[in-house]
PDB file of N, CA and C in Angstrom:
ATOM      1  N   UNK A   1      -4.113  13.781 -19.435  1.00  0.00           N
ATOM      2  CA  UNK A   1      -4.183  13.919 -18.113  1.00  0.00           C
ATOM      3  C   UNK A   1      -3.485  13.217 -17.398  1.00  0.00           C
ATOM      4  N   UNK A   2      -2.635  12.996 -16.598  1.00  0.00           N
ATOM      5  CA  UNK A   2      -2.030  12.012 -16.008  1.00  0.00           C
ATOM      6  C   UNK A   2      -2.515  11.958 -14.765  1.00  0.00           C
ATOM      7  N   UNK A   3      -3.067  11.259 -14.313  1.00  0.00           N
ATOM      8  CA  UNK A   3      -2.916  10.793 -12.463  1.00  0.00           C
ATOM      9  C   UNK A   3      -1.690  10.535 -11.485  1.00  0.00           C
ATOM     10  N   UNK A   4      -2.002  11.587 -10.252  1.00  0.00           N
ATOM     11  CA  UNK A   4      -0.937  11.665  -9.555  1.00  0.00           C
ATOM     12  C   UNK A   4      -1.490  10.639  -8.490  1.00  0.00           C
ATOM     13  N   UNK A   5      -0.147   9.574  -8.436  1.00  0.00           N
ATOM     14  CA  UNK A   5      -0.350   8.643  -7.242  1.00  0.00           C
ATOM     15  C   UNK A   5       0.526   8.710  -5.647  1.00  0.00           C
ATOM     16  N   UNK A   6      -0.492   8.694  -5.052  1.00  0.00           N
ATOM     17  CA  UNK A   6       0.360   9.381  -3.603  1.00  0.00           C
ATOM     18  C   UNK A   6       0.209   7.584  -2.633  1.00  0.00           C
ATOM     19  N   UNK A   7       1.409   7.817  -2.091  1.00  0.00           N
ATOM     20  CA  UNK A   7       1.715   6.563  -1.180  1.00  0.00           C
ATOM     21  C   UNK A   7       0.294   6.412   0.380  1.00  0.00           C
ATOM     22  N   UNK A   8      -0.671   5.378  -0.330  1.00  0.00           N
ATOM     23  CA  UNK A   8      -1.281   5.602   1.053  1.00  0.00           C
ATOM     24  C   UNK A   8      -0.734   4.655   2.184  1.00  0.00           C
ATOM     25  N   UNK A   9       0.456   3.729   2.120  1.00  0.00           N
ATOM     26  CA  UNK A   9       0.889   3.098   3.181  1.00  0.00           C
ATOM     27  C   UNK A   9       1.671   2.304   2.711  1.00  0.00           C
ATOM     28  N   UNK A  10       3.191   1.853   3.186  1.00  0.00           N
ATOM     29  CA  UNK A  10       4.328   1.124   3.070  1.00  0.00           C
ATOM     30  C   UNK A  10       4.004  -0.227   3.747  1.00  0.00           C
ATOM     31  N   UNK A  11       4.804  -1.018   3.378  1.00  0.00           N
ATOM     32  CA  UNK A  11       5.068  -2.607   4.020  1.00  0.00           C
ATOM     33  C   UNK A  11       6.554  -2.938   4.146  1.00  0.00           C
ATOM     34  N   UNK A  12       7.477  -3.841   4.713  1.00  0.00           N
ATOM     35  CA  UNK A  12       7.879  -4.648   4.570  1.00  0.00           C
ATOM     36  C   UNK A  12       8.296  -5.663   3.365  1.00  0.00           C
ATOM     37  N   UNK A  13       6.443  -6.513   3.380  1.00  0.00           N
ATOM     38  CA  UNK A  13       6.502  -7.479   2.402  1.00  0.00           C
ATOM     39  C   UNK A  13       5.388  -7.349   1.599  1.00  0.00           C
ATOM     40  N   UNK A  14       5.865  -7.439   0.065  1.00  0.00           N
ATOM     41  CA  UNK A  14       4.549  -7.574  -0.964  1.00  0.00           C
ATOM     42  C   UNK A  14       2.617  -8.257  -0.643  1.00  0.00           C
ATOM     43  N   UNK A  15       3.083  -9.320   0.333  1.00  0.00           N
ATOM     44  CA  UNK A  15       2.002  -9.700   0.436  1.00  0.00           C
ATOM     45  C   UNK A  15       0.751  -9.111   0.983  1.00  0.00           C
ATOM     46  N   UNK A  16       1.238  -8.151   2.166  1.00  0.00           N
ATOM     47  CA  UNK A  16       0.091  -7.365   2.590  1.00  0.00           C
ATOM     48  C   UNK A  16      -0.317  -6.369   2.143  1.00  0.00           C
ATOM     49  N   UNK A  17       0.575  -6.016   1.207  1.00  0.00           N
ATOM     50  CA  UNK A  17       0.106  -5.249  -0.287  1.00  0.00           C
ATOM     51  C   UNK A  17      -0.963  -5.147  -0.951  1.00  0.00           C
ATOM     52  N   UNK A  18      -0.464  -6.659  -1.007  1.00  0.00           N
ATOM     53  CA  UNK A  18      -1.903  -7.564  -2.729  1.00  0.00           C
ATOM     54  C   UNK A  18      -3.219  -7.490  -1.703  1.00  0.00           C
ATOM     55  N   UNK A  19      -3.039  -8.373  -0.259  1.00  0.00           N
ATOM     56  CA  UNK A  19      -4.211  -8.037   0.152  1.00  0.00           C
ATOM     57  C   UNK A  19      -4.999  -6.659   0.555  1.00  0.00           C
ATOM     58  N   UNK A  20      -4.218  -5.725   0.990  1.00  0.00           N
ATOM     59  CA  UNK A  20      -4.993  -4.859   1.031  1.00  0.00           C
ATOM     60  C   UNK A  20      -5.599  -3.654  -0.191  1.00  0.00           C
ATOM     61  N   UNK A  21      -4.542  -4.615  -0.750  1.00  0.00           N
ATOM     62  CA  UNK A  21      -4.758  -3.675  -3.148  1.00  0.00           C
ATOM     63  C   UNK A  21      -6.220  -4.113  -3.046  1.00  0.00           C
ATOM     64  N   UNK A  22      -6.499  -5.341  -3.248  1.00  0.00           N
ATOM     65  CA  UNK A  22      -8.083  -6.358  -2.999  1.00  0.00           C
ATOM     66  C   UNK A  22      -8.807  -5.676  -2.371  1.00  0.00           C
ATOM     67  N   UNK A  23      -8.416  -5.576  -1.636  1.00  0.00           N
ATOM     68  CA  UNK A  23      -9.975  -5.150  -0.627  1.00  0.00           C
ATOM     69  C   UNK A  23      -9.937  -3.505  -0.864  1.00  0.00           C
ATOM     70  N   UNK A  24      -9.507  -2.373  -1.154  1.00  0.00           N
ATOM     71  CA  UNK A  24      -8.864  -1.336  -1.746  1.00  0.00           C
ATOM     72  C   UNK A  24     -10.133  -1.450  -3.307  1.00  0.00           C
ATOM     73  N   UNK A  25     -10.054  -2.095  -4.389  1.00  0.00           N
ATOM     74  CA  UNK A  25     -10.336  -2.723  -6.000  1.00  0.00           C
ATOM     75  C   UNK A  25     -11.810  -3.120  -5.428  1.00  0.00           C
ATOM     76  N   UNK A  26     -12.279  -3.721  -4.572  1.00  0.00           N
ATOM     77  CA  UNK A  26     -13.391  -4.049  -3.826  1.00  0.00           C
ATOM     78  C   UNK A  26     -14.294  -3.388  -3.970  1.00  0.00           C
ATOM     79  N   UNK A  27     -14.229  -2.465  -3.255  1.00  0.00           N
ATOM     80  CA  UNK A  27     -14.911  -1.134  -2.640  1.00  0.00           C
ATOM     81  C   UNK A  27     -14.225   0.294  -3.999  1.00  0.00           C
ATOM     82  N   UNK A  28     -13.722  -0.063  -5.084  1.00  0.00           N
ATOM     83  CA  UNK A  28     -13.893   0.717  -5.989  1.00  0.00           C
ATOM     84  C   UNK A  28     -12.827   1.849  -6.335  1.00  0.00           C
ATOM     85  N   UNK A  29     -11.890   1.146  -5.851  1.00  0.00           N
ATOM     86  CA  UNK A  29     -11.300   1.954  -5.933  1.00  0.00           C
ATOM     87  C   UNK A  29      -9.264   1.253  -6.003  1.00  0.00           C
ATOM     88  N   UNK A  30      -9.219   1.971  -7.918  1.00  0.00           N
ATOM     89  CA  UNK A  30      -7.681   1.214  -7.755  1.00  0.00           C
ATOM     90  C   UNK A  30      -6.951   1.629  -7.079  1.00  0.00           C
ATOM     91  N   UNK A  31      -5.865   0.741  -7.233  1.00  0.00           N
ATOM     92  CA  UNK A  31      -4.467   0.499  -6.213  1.00  0.00           C
ATOM     93  C   UNK A  31      -3.838  -0.135  -6.568  1.00  0.00           C
ATOM     94  N   UNK A  32      -1.911   0.511  -6.671  1.00  0.00           N
ATOM     95  CA  UNK A  32      -0.752   0.201  -7.570  1.00  0.00           C
ATOM     96  C   UNK A  32      -0.026  -0.575  -5.766  1.00  0.00           C
ATOM     97  N   UNK A  33       0.974  -1.510  -6.574  1.00  0.00           N
ATOM     98  CA  UNK A  33       1.684  -1.958  -5.322  1.00  0.00           C
ATOM     99  C   UNK A  33       3.064  -1.692  -5.649  1.00  0.00           C
ATOM    100  N   UNK A  34       3.785  -0.381  -5.456  1.00  0.00           N
ATOM    101  CA  UNK A  34       5.580  -0.547  -5.675  1.00  0.00           C
ATOM    102  C   UNK A  34       6.542  -1.259  -5.084  1.00  0.00           C
ATOM    103  N   UNK A  35       7.750  -1.235  -5.889  1.00  0.00           N
ATOM    104  CA  UNK A  35       8.576  -1.820  -5.464  1.00  0.00           C
ATOM    105  C   UNK A  35       8.907  -3.443  -4.687  1.00  0.00           C
ATOM    106  N   UNK A  36       7.723  -4.235  -5.033  1.00  0.00           N
ATOM    107  CA  UNK A  36       7.527  -5.155  -5.335  1.00  0.00           C
ATOM    108  C   UNK A  36       8.953  -6.497  -5.271  1.00  0.00           C
ATOM    109  N   UNK A  37       9.333  -6.167  -6.154  1.00  0.00           N
ATOM    110  CA  UNK A  37      10.025  -6.705  -6.098  1.00  0.00           C
ATOM    111  C   UNK A  37      11.679  -6.700  -6.082  1.00  0.00           C
ATOM    112  N   UNK A  38      11.980  -5.408  -5.670  1.00  0.00           N
ATOM    113  CA  UNK A  38      13.623  -5.604  -4.770  1.00  0.00           C
ATOM    114  C   UNK A  38      12.816  -6.709  -3.050  1.00  0.00           C
ATOM    115  N   UNK A  39      11.826  -5.900  -2.563  1.00  0.00           N
ATOM    116  CA  UNK A  39      11.668  -6.729  -1.308  1.00  0.00           C
ATOM    117  C   UNK A  39      11.709  -8.053  -1.242  1.00  0.00           C
ATOM    118  N   UNK A  40      11.367  -8.379  -2.468  1.00  0.00           N
ATOM    119  CA  UNK A  40      11.645 -10.222  -2.679  1.00  0.00           C
ATOM    120  C   UNK A  40      12.216 -10.732  -2.956  1.00  0.00           C
ATOM    121  N   UNK A  41      13.377  -9.789  -3.656  1.00  0.00           N
ATOM    122  CA  UNK A  41      15.109 -10.963  -4.105  1.00  0.00           C
ATOM    123  C   UNK A  41      15.301 -10.301  -2.667  1.00  0.00           C
ATOM    124  N   UNK A  42      15.653  -9.092  -2.041  1.00  0.00           N
ATOM    125  CA  UNK A  42      16.411  -8.672  -0.839  1.00  0.00           C
ATOM    126  C   UNK A  42      15.698  -8.383   0.304  1.00  0.00           C
ATOM    127  N   UNK A  43      14.504  -9.390   1.030  1.00  0.00           N
ATOM    128  CA  UNK A  43      13.654  -9.041   1.642  1.00  0.00           C
ATOM    129  C   UNK A  43      14.641  -8.137   2.920  1.00  0.00           C
ATOM    130  N   UNK A  44      15.253  -8.447   3.300  1.00  0.00           N
ATOM    131  CA  UNK A  44      16.275  -7.421   4.621  1.00  0.00           C
ATOM    132  C   UNK A  44      16.388  -6.396   4.293  1.00  0.00           C
ATOM    133  N   UNK A  45      16.715  -6.186   2.780  1.00  0.00           N
ATOM    134  CA  UNK A  45      16.611  -4.772   2.164  1.00  0.00           C
ATOM    135  C   UNK A  45      16.085  -3.813   2.092  1.00  0.00           C
ATOM    136  N   UNK A  46      14.710  -4.202   2.459  1.00  0.00           N
ATOM    137  CA  UNK A  46      13.441  -3.899   1.914  1.00  0.00           C
ATOM    138  C   UNK A  46      13.025  -2.291   2.634  1.00  0.00           C
ATOM    139  N   UNK A  47      13.396  -2.114   3.694  1.00  0.00           N
ATOM    140  CA  UNK A  47      13.300  -0.377   4.329  1.00  0.00           C
ATOM    141  C   UNK A  47      13.750   0.569   4.089  1.00  0.00           C
ATOM    142  N   UNK A  48      15.374   0.069   3.220  1.00  0.00           N
ATOM    143  CA  UNK A  48      16.107   0.763   2.615  1.00  0.00           C
ATOM    144  C   UNK A  48      15.669   1.384   1.495  1.00  0.00           C
ATOM    145  N   UNK A  49      14.802   0.959   0.613  1.00  0.00           N
ATOM    146  CA  UNK A  49      14.163   1.908  -0.515  1.00  0.00           C
ATOM    147  C   UNK A  49      12.801   2.246  -0.021  1.00  0.00           C
ATOM    148  N   UNK A  50      12.135   2.739   0.881  1.00  0.00           N
ATOM    149  CA  UNK A  50      11.447   3.074   1.584  1.00  0.00           C
ATOM    150  C   UNK A  50       9.888   1.355   1.377  1.00  0.00           C
ATOM    151  N   UNK A  51      10.285   0.400   1.388  1.00  0.00           N
ATOM    152  CA  UNK A  51       9.470  -1.176   1.569  1.00  0.00           C
ATOM    153  C   UNK A  51       8.298  -0.568   0.455  1.00  0.00           C
ATOM    154  N   UNK A  52       7.718  -1.622   0.655  1.00  0.00           N
ATOM    155  CA  UNK A  52       6.747  -1.936  -0.143  1.00  0.00           C
ATOM    156  C   UNK A  52       5.548  -0.873  -0.659  1.00  0.00           C
ATOM    157  N   UNK A  53       5.123  -0.235  -1.458  1.00  0.00           N
ATOM    158  CA  UNK A  53       4.073   1.164  -1.298  1.00  0.00           C
ATOM    159  C   UNK A  53       2.832   0.440  -2.022  1.00  0.00           C
ATOM    160  N   UNK A  54       2.341   0.774  -1.128  1.00  0.00           N
ATOM    161  CA  UNK A  54       0.486   0.448  -1.771  1.00  0.00           C
ATOM    162  C   UNK A  54      -0.037   2.555  -2.141  1.00  0.00           C
ATOM    163  N   UNK A  55       0.368   2.450  -3.658  1.00  0.00           N
ATOM    164  CA  UNK A  55      -0.403   3.398  -3.983  1.00  0.00           C
ATOM    165  C   UNK A  55      -2.069   3.977  -4.466  1.00  0.00           C
ATOM    166  N   UNK A  56      -2.359   4.900  -4.218  1.00  0.00           N
ATOM    167  CA  UNK A  56      -3.872   5.186  -4.897  1.00  0.00           C
ATOM    168  C   UNK A  56      -3.498   6.583  -5.535  1.00  0.00           C
ATOM    169  N   UNK A  57      -4.904   6.798  -6.337  1.00  0.00           N
ATOM    170  CA  UNK A  57      -4.989   8.122  -7.210  1.00  0.00           C
ATOM    171  C   UNK A  57      -5.540   9.135  -5.673  1.00  0.00           C
ATOM    172  N   UNK A  58      -4.666  10.147  -5.923  1.00  0.00           N
ATOM    173  CA  UNK A  58      -4.699  11.508  -4.929  1.00  0.00           C
ATOM    174  C   UNK A  58      -6.241  11.423  -5.026  1.00  0.00           C
ATOM    175  N   UNK A  59      -7.368  11.841  -5.626  1.00  0.00           N
ATOM    176  CA  UNK A  59      -8.494  12.076  -5.199  1.00  0.00           C
ATOM    177  C   UNK A  59      -9.307  11.168  -4.218  1.00  0.00           C
ATOM    178  N   UNK A  60      -8.275   9.884  -4.349  1.00  0.00           N
ATOM    179  CA  UNK A  60      -9.138   9.034  -3.104  1.00  0.00           C
ATOM    180  C   UNK A  60      -8.835   8.174  -1.949  1.00  0.00           C
ATOM    181  N   UNK A  61      -7.819   9.126  -1.639  1.00  0.00           N
ATOM    182  CA  UNK A  61      -6.832   9.102  -0.753  1.00  0.00           C
ATOM    183  C   UNK A  61      -7.753   8.718   0.587  1.00  0.00           C
ATOM    184  N   UNK A  62      -8.232   9.735   0.544  1.00  0.00           N
ATOM    185  CA  UNK A  62      -9.300  10.214   2.013  1.00  0.00           C
ATOM    186  C   UNK A  62     -10.126   8.959   1.631  1.00  0.00           C
ATOM    187  N   UNK A  63     -10.859   8.311   0.924  1.00  0.00           N
ATOM    188  CA  UNK A  63     -11.755   7.143   1.474  1.00  0.00           C
ATOM    189  C   UNK A  63     -11.102   5.879   1.458  1.00  0.00           C
ATOM    190  N   UNK A  64     -10.052   5.624   0.602  1.00  0.00           N
ATOM    191  CA  UNK A  64      -8.854   4.746   0.600  1.00  0.00           C
ATOM    192  C   UNK A  64      -8.323   4.702   2.636  1.00  0.00           C
ATOM    193  N   UNK A  65      -8.476   6.021   2.839  1.00  0.00           N
ATOM    194  CA  UNK A  65      -7.672   5.857   4.348  1.00  0.00           C
ATOM    195  C   UNK A  65      -8.797   5.271   5.057  1.00  0.00           C
ATOM    196  N   UNK A  66      -9.724   6.034   4.595  1.00  0.00           N
ATOM    197  CA  UNK A  66     -11.328   6.073   5.685  1.00  0.00           C
ATOM    198  C   UNK A  66     -10.793   4.327   5.762  1.00  0.00           C
ATOM    199  N   UNK A  67     -11.229   3.203   4.919  1.00  0.00           N
ATOM    200  CA  UNK A  67     -11.472   1.766   4.360  1.00  0.00           C
ATOM    201  C   UNK A  67     -10.063   1.678   5.141  1.00  0.00           C
ATOM    202  N   UNK A  68      -9.262   1.902   5.499  1.00  0.00           N
ATOM    203  CA  UNK A  68      -8.320   0.733   5.816  1.00  0.00           C
ATOM    204  C   UNK A  68      -8.135   1.624   7.760  1.00  0.00           C
ATOM    205  N   UNK A  69      -8.502   2.308   7.650  1.00  0.00           N
ATOM    206  CA  UNK A  69      -9.053   2.648   9.910  1.00  0.00           C
ATOM    207  C   UNK A  69      -9.677   1.658  10.057  1.00  0.00           C
ATOM    208  N   UNK A  70     -10.532   1.201   9.061  1.00  0.00           N
ATOM    209  CA  UNK A  70     -11.442   0.171   9.560  1.00  0.00           C
ATOM    210  C   UNK A  70     -11.272  -1.248   9.941  1.00  0.00           C
ATOM    211  N   UNK A  71      -9.757  -1.618   9.477  1.00  0.00           N
ATOM    212  CA  UNK A  71      -8.979  -2.694   9.826  1.00  0.00           C
ATOM    213  C   UNK A  71      -9.509  -3.874   9.118  1.00  0.00           C
ATOM    214  N   UNK A  72      -9.014  -5.000  10.130  1.00  0.00           N
ATOM    215  CA  UNK A  72      -7.725  -5.194  11.090  1.00  0.00           C
ATOM    216  C   UNK A  72      -6.714  -4.979  10.217  1.00  0.00           C
ATOM    217  N   UNK A  73      -5.471  -4.028  11.041  1.00  0.00           N
ATOM    218  CA  UNK A  73      -3.708  -3.984  10.344  1.00  0.00           C
ATOM    219  C   UNK A  73      -3.622  -6.107   9.827  1.00  0.00           C
ATOM    220  N   UNK A  74      -2.904  -6.070   9.183  1.00  0.00           N
ATOM    221  CA  UNK A  74      -2.560  -7.174   8.688  1.00  0.00           C
ATOM    222  C   UNK A  74      -1.152  -7.499   9.935  1.00  0.00           C
ATOM    223  N   UNK A  75      -0.200  -6.577   9.894  1.00  0.00           N
ATOM    224  CA  UNK A  75       1.251  -6.820  10.971  1.00  0.00           C
ATOM    225  C   UNK A  75       1.582  -5.298  11.411  1.00  0.00           C
ATOM    226  N   UNK A  76       2.184  -5.881  12.780  1.00  0.00           N
ATOM    227  CA  UNK A  76       2.730  -4.359  13.082  1.00  0.00           C
ATOM    228  C   UNK A  76       4.012  -3.870  12.246  1.00  0.00           C
ATOM    229  N   UNK A  77       3.666  -4.756  11.262  1.00  0.00           N
ATOM    230  CA  UNK A  77       5.258  -3.913  10.469  1.00  0.00           C
ATOM    231  C   UNK A  77       4.432  -3.531   9.672  1.00  0.00           C
ATOM    232  N   UNK A  78       3.396  -2.633   9.388  1.00  0.00           N
ATOM    233  CA  UNK A  78       2.753  -1.929   8.326  1.00  0.00           C
ATOM    234  C   UNK A  78       2.267  -1.046   9.547  1.00  0.00           C
ATOM    235  N   UNK A  79       2.547   0.498   8.375  1.00  0.00           N
ATOM    236  CA  UNK A  79       2.406   1.886   8.995  1.00  0.00           C
ATOM    237  C   UNK A  79       1.571   2.151   9.192  1.00  0.00           C
ATOM    238  N   UNK A  80       0.770   3.385  10.149  1.00  0.00           N
ATOM    239  CA  UNK A  80      -0.546   3.710  10.069  1.00  0.00           C
ATOM    240  C   UNK A  80      -1.211   4.415   8.816  1.00  0.00           C
ATOM    241  N   UNK A  81      -1.110   4.933   7.747  1.00  0.00           N
ATOM    242  CA  UNK A  81      -2.454   5.248   6.542  1.00  0.00           C
ATOM    243  C   UNK A  81      -1.743   6.598   7.031  1.00  0.00           C
ATOM    244  N   UNK A  82      -0.872   7.232   5.886  1.00  0.00           N
ATOM    245  CA  UNK A  82      -0.702   9.207   6.877  1.00  0.00           C
ATOM    246  C   UNK A  82      -1.326   9.853   6.220  1.00  0.00           C
TER     247      UNK A  82
END
């Protein structure tokens, strides 16, 4: 059975996504970073593709939001958890 991944938060740069990915994984929540290559090669066009996306399993979404709400946010470029 395939596990559905949902976007938790979006960033302009992959560095921020990877830092928070590590935090989620430290809390036992698997996470994945999407669209990182495009934003690294074309950083000024990252917003056109929806930015770098940090995704988690649908069943982990609420817990992941709670962890991210504890802050701190890494920059003002990040969006609040959806």
